[in-house]
Each structure stands twice: as C-alpha cells, then as structure tokens.
Amino acid sequence: GFWIDGKPLYRKTITGKLTGSADSYYSLSGINYDIITNIKVLVNTPDYVVDLSTYSNTGQNGVLIEKSQNRLRISNNNYAFYNSPVIIILEYTKKE
C-alpha cells in the first residue's frame, strides 16, 4: 500500500520478550524510517493475546518511539504479561 503522501509503505517485524515490571526497549537501527504509520505490539501469554499498543487496564501500559534514542519503548505494568513473548509490527515510510 501507500501512505497519504503517495510514498510506499514498508513493514518490519521484530520479535522479543517483555521484561518484568521494567520498560522493554527495542532498537530501530537499520530501519530507515521517515514516518511510522502504524505500530502493533502483540503479547502472547498462556491466557491472552493482547495488542499493547491499544490496551490499557490501568493507564500504565504504553508504546512509544524514542526518536533521539532510535528505539521503541514498551511500558508494561501488568504482571500477567511479564516475561511474555512479544511481536512488534511497524509500518512506515522510508526516508528519501
């Protein structure tokens, strides 16, 4: 597909594991992104599949891009997700 400015969209999938109650960080080096158009953070536990980019039971979960550090940060304060596998799907346009 294409973004609203006509640039092609690209997709990158990153796999990892959430930490306990601390923030989890994932490097975005090697991704020449201009605009991040979509972020999905799927957590798979024995009981749940949750998209942390849209889920918050307490307002203390969050997903953001720290541009100055060129990384994605996942804040998770739900013990049910501690040490769970995570799949991050980024959609973006590339820098020219």
C-alpha atoms as a PDB file:
ATOM      1  CA  GLY A   1       0.000   0.000   0.000  1.00  0.00           C
ATOM      2  CA  PHE A   2       0.819   3.678   0.013  1.00  0.00           C
ATOM      3  CA  TRP A   3       0.739   6.415   2.646  1.00  0.00           C
ATOM      4  CA  ILE A   4      -1.349   9.574   2.172  1.00  0.00           C
ATOM      5  CA  ASP A   5       1.663  11.360   0.651  1.00  0.00           C
ATOM      6  CA  GLY A   6       1.971   8.671  -2.035  1.00  0.00           C
ATOM      7  CA  LYS A   7       5.095   7.030  -0.550  1.00  0.00           C
ATOM      8  CA  PRO A   8       5.140   3.224  -0.412  1.00  0.00           C
ATOM      9  CA  LEU A   9       4.553   1.568   2.956  1.00  0.00           C
ATOM     10  CA  TYR A  10       7.051  -0.912   4.373  1.00  0.00           C
ATOM     11  CA  ARG A  11       6.655  -3.404   7.197  1.00  0.00           C
ATOM     12  CA  LYS A  12       9.181  -4.641   9.758  1.00  0.00           C
ATOM     13  CA  THR A  13       8.537  -7.389  12.314  1.00  0.00           C
ATOM     14  CA  ILE A  14      10.617  -7.600  15.492  1.00  0.00           C
ATOM     15  CA  THR A  15      10.322 -10.448  17.978  1.00  0.00           C
ATOM     16  CA  GLY A  16      11.445 -10.475  21.574  1.00  0.00           C
ATOM     17  CA  LYS A  17      10.376 -10.891  25.159  1.00  0.00           C
ATOM     18  CA  LEU A  18       8.934  -8.406  27.625  1.00  0.00           C
ATOM     19  CA  THR A  19      10.824  -7.810  30.836  1.00  0.00           C
ATOM     20  CA  GLY A  20       9.160  -7.851  34.225  1.00  0.00           C
ATOM     21  CA  SER A  21       7.841  -4.563  35.548  1.00  0.00           C
ATOM     22  CA  ALA A  22      10.597  -2.506  33.878  1.00  0.00           C
ATOM     23  CA  ASP A  23      10.321  -0.970  30.421  1.00  0.00           C
ATOM     24  CA  SER A  24      11.402  -3.078  27.443  1.00  0.00           C
ATOM     25  CA  TYR A  25      13.443  -1.476  24.649  1.00  0.00           C
ATOM     26  CA  TYR A  26      13.890  -2.496  21.012  1.00  0.00           C
ATOM     27  CA  SER A  27      16.405  -0.866  18.693  1.00  0.00           C
ATOM     28  CA  LEU A  28      15.183   0.641  15.430  1.00  0.00           C
ATOM     29  CA  SER A  29      18.675   0.988  13.973  1.00  0.00           C
ATOM     30  CA  GLY A  30      18.792  -0.353  10.467  1.00  0.00           C
ATOM     31  CA  ILE A  31      15.259   0.871   9.744  1.00  0.00           C
ATOM     32  CA  ASN A  32      15.482   3.971   7.574  1.00  0.00           C
ATOM     33  CA  TYR A  33      12.036   5.267   8.535  1.00  0.00           C
ATOM     34  CA  ASP A  34      10.607   8.686   7.802  1.00  0.00           C
ATOM     35  CA  ILE A  35       7.105   8.307   9.263  1.00  0.00           C
ATOM     36  CA  ILE A  36       5.881   5.432  11.441  1.00  0.00           C
ATOM     37  CA  THR A  37       2.313   4.963  10.240  1.00  0.00           C
ATOM     38  CA  ASN A  38       1.248   2.033  12.424  1.00  0.00           C
ATOM     39  CA  ILE A  39       2.560   0.138  15.459  1.00  0.00           C
ATOM     40  CA  LYS A  40       1.212  -3.170  16.771  1.00  0.00           C
ATOM     41  CA  VAL A  41       2.682  -4.849  19.826  1.00  0.00           C
ATOM     42  CA  LEU A  42       1.247  -8.331  20.236  1.00  0.00           C
ATOM     43  CA  VAL A  43       1.860 -10.133  23.525  1.00  0.00           C
ATOM     44  CA  ASN A  44       1.191 -13.866  23.720  1.00  0.00           C
ATOM     45  CA  THR A  45       0.623 -15.397  27.143  1.00  0.00           C
ATOM     46  CA  PRO A  46      -0.906 -18.765  28.033  1.00  0.00           C
ATOM     47  CA  ASP A  47      -4.195 -16.942  28.696  1.00  0.00           C
ATOM     48  CA  TYR A  48      -4.200 -13.902  26.375  1.00  0.00           C
ATOM     49  CA  VAL A  49      -3.210 -12.409  23.063  1.00  0.00           C
ATOM     50  CA  VAL A  50      -3.136  -8.642  23.599  1.00  0.00           C
ATOM     51  CA  ASP A  51      -2.181  -5.661  21.449  1.00  0.00           C
ATOM     52  CA  LEU A  52      -0.353  -3.442  23.961  1.00  0.00           C
ATOM     53  CA  SER A  53      -0.406  -0.538  21.508  1.00  0.00           C
ATOM     54  CA  THR A  54      -4.154  -0.205  22.174  1.00  0.00           C
ATOM     55  CA  TYR A  55      -4.662  -1.933  25.548  1.00  0.00           C
ATOM     56  CA  SER A  56      -4.503  -0.356  28.985  1.00  0.00           C
ATOM     57  CA  ASN A  57      -6.277  -1.670  32.018  1.00  0.00           C
ATOM     58  CA  THR A  58      -4.757   0.933  34.328  1.00  0.00           C
ATOM     59  CA  GLY A  59      -3.395   3.599  32.021  1.00  0.00           C
ATOM     60  CA  GLN A  60       0.113   2.410  32.827  1.00  0.00           C
ATOM     61  CA  ASN A  61       0.841   0.440  29.664  1.00  0.00           C
ATOM     62  CA  GLY A  62       2.212   2.244  26.656  1.00  0.00           C
ATOM     63  CA  VAL A  63       4.182   2.011  23.441  1.00  0.00           C
ATOM     64  CA  LEU A  64       6.241   4.842  22.051  1.00  0.00           C
ATOM     65  CA  ILE A  65       9.133   5.628  19.733  1.00  0.00           C
ATOM     66  CA  GLU A  66      12.043   7.463  21.363  1.00  0.00           C
ATOM     67  CA  LYS A  67      13.407   9.208  18.271  1.00  0.00           C
ATOM     68  CA  SER A  68      16.526  10.588  19.979  1.00  0.00           C
ATOM     69  CA  GLN A  69      17.471   7.041  21.074  1.00  0.00           C
ATOM     70  CA  ASN A  70      16.208   5.410  17.837  1.00  0.00           C
ATOM     71  CA  ARG A  71      14.294   2.793  19.786  1.00  0.00           C
ATOM     72  CA  LEU A  72      10.820   1.608  20.656  1.00  0.00           C
ATOM     73  CA  ARG A  73       9.865   1.524  24.333  1.00  0.00           C
ATOM     74  CA  ILE A  74       7.152  -0.686  25.789  1.00  0.00           C
ATOM     75  CA  SER A  75       5.923   0.225  29.254  1.00  0.00           C
ATOM     76  CA  ASN A  76       4.095  -2.680  30.839  1.00  0.00           C
ATOM     77  CA  ASN A  77       2.701  -2.684  34.337  1.00  0.00           C
ATOM     78  CA  ASN A  78       0.545  -5.799  34.092  1.00  0.00           C
ATOM     79  CA  TYR A  79       2.050  -8.815  35.843  1.00  0.00           C
ATOM     80  CA  ALA A  80       0.134 -11.189  33.523  1.00  0.00           C
ATOM     81  CA  PHE A  81       2.394 -10.053  30.649  1.00  0.00           C
ATOM     82  CA  TYR A  82       5.779 -10.162  32.450  1.00  0.00           C
ATOM     83  CA  ASN A  83       8.418 -12.167  30.550  1.00  0.00           C
ATOM     84  CA  SER A  84       5.979 -12.932  27.727  1.00  0.00           C
ATOM     85  CA  PRO A  85       6.896 -13.248  24.053  1.00  0.00           C
ATOM     86  CA  VAL A  86       6.202 -10.120  22.036  1.00  0.00           C
ATOM     87  CA  ILE A  87       5.813  -9.449  18.309  1.00  0.00           C
ATOM     88  CA  ILE A  88       6.237  -5.849  17.164  1.00  0.00           C
ATOM     89  CA  ILE A  89       4.918  -4.899  13.731  1.00  0.00           C
ATOM     90  CA  LEU A  90       5.929  -1.487  12.387  1.00  0.00           C
ATOM     91  CA  GLU A  91       4.568   0.067   9.221  1.00  0.00           C
ATOM     92  CA  TYR A  92       6.481   3.051   7.917  1.00  0.00           C
ATOM     93  CA  THR A  93       7.602   5.162   5.004  1.00  0.00           C
ATOM     94  CA  LYS A  94      11.300   5.395   4.183  1.00  0.00           C
ATOM     95  CA  LYS A  95      13.477   8.494   4.145  1.00  0.00           C
ATOM     96  CA  GLU A  96      14.471   9.554   0.676  1.00  0.00           C
END
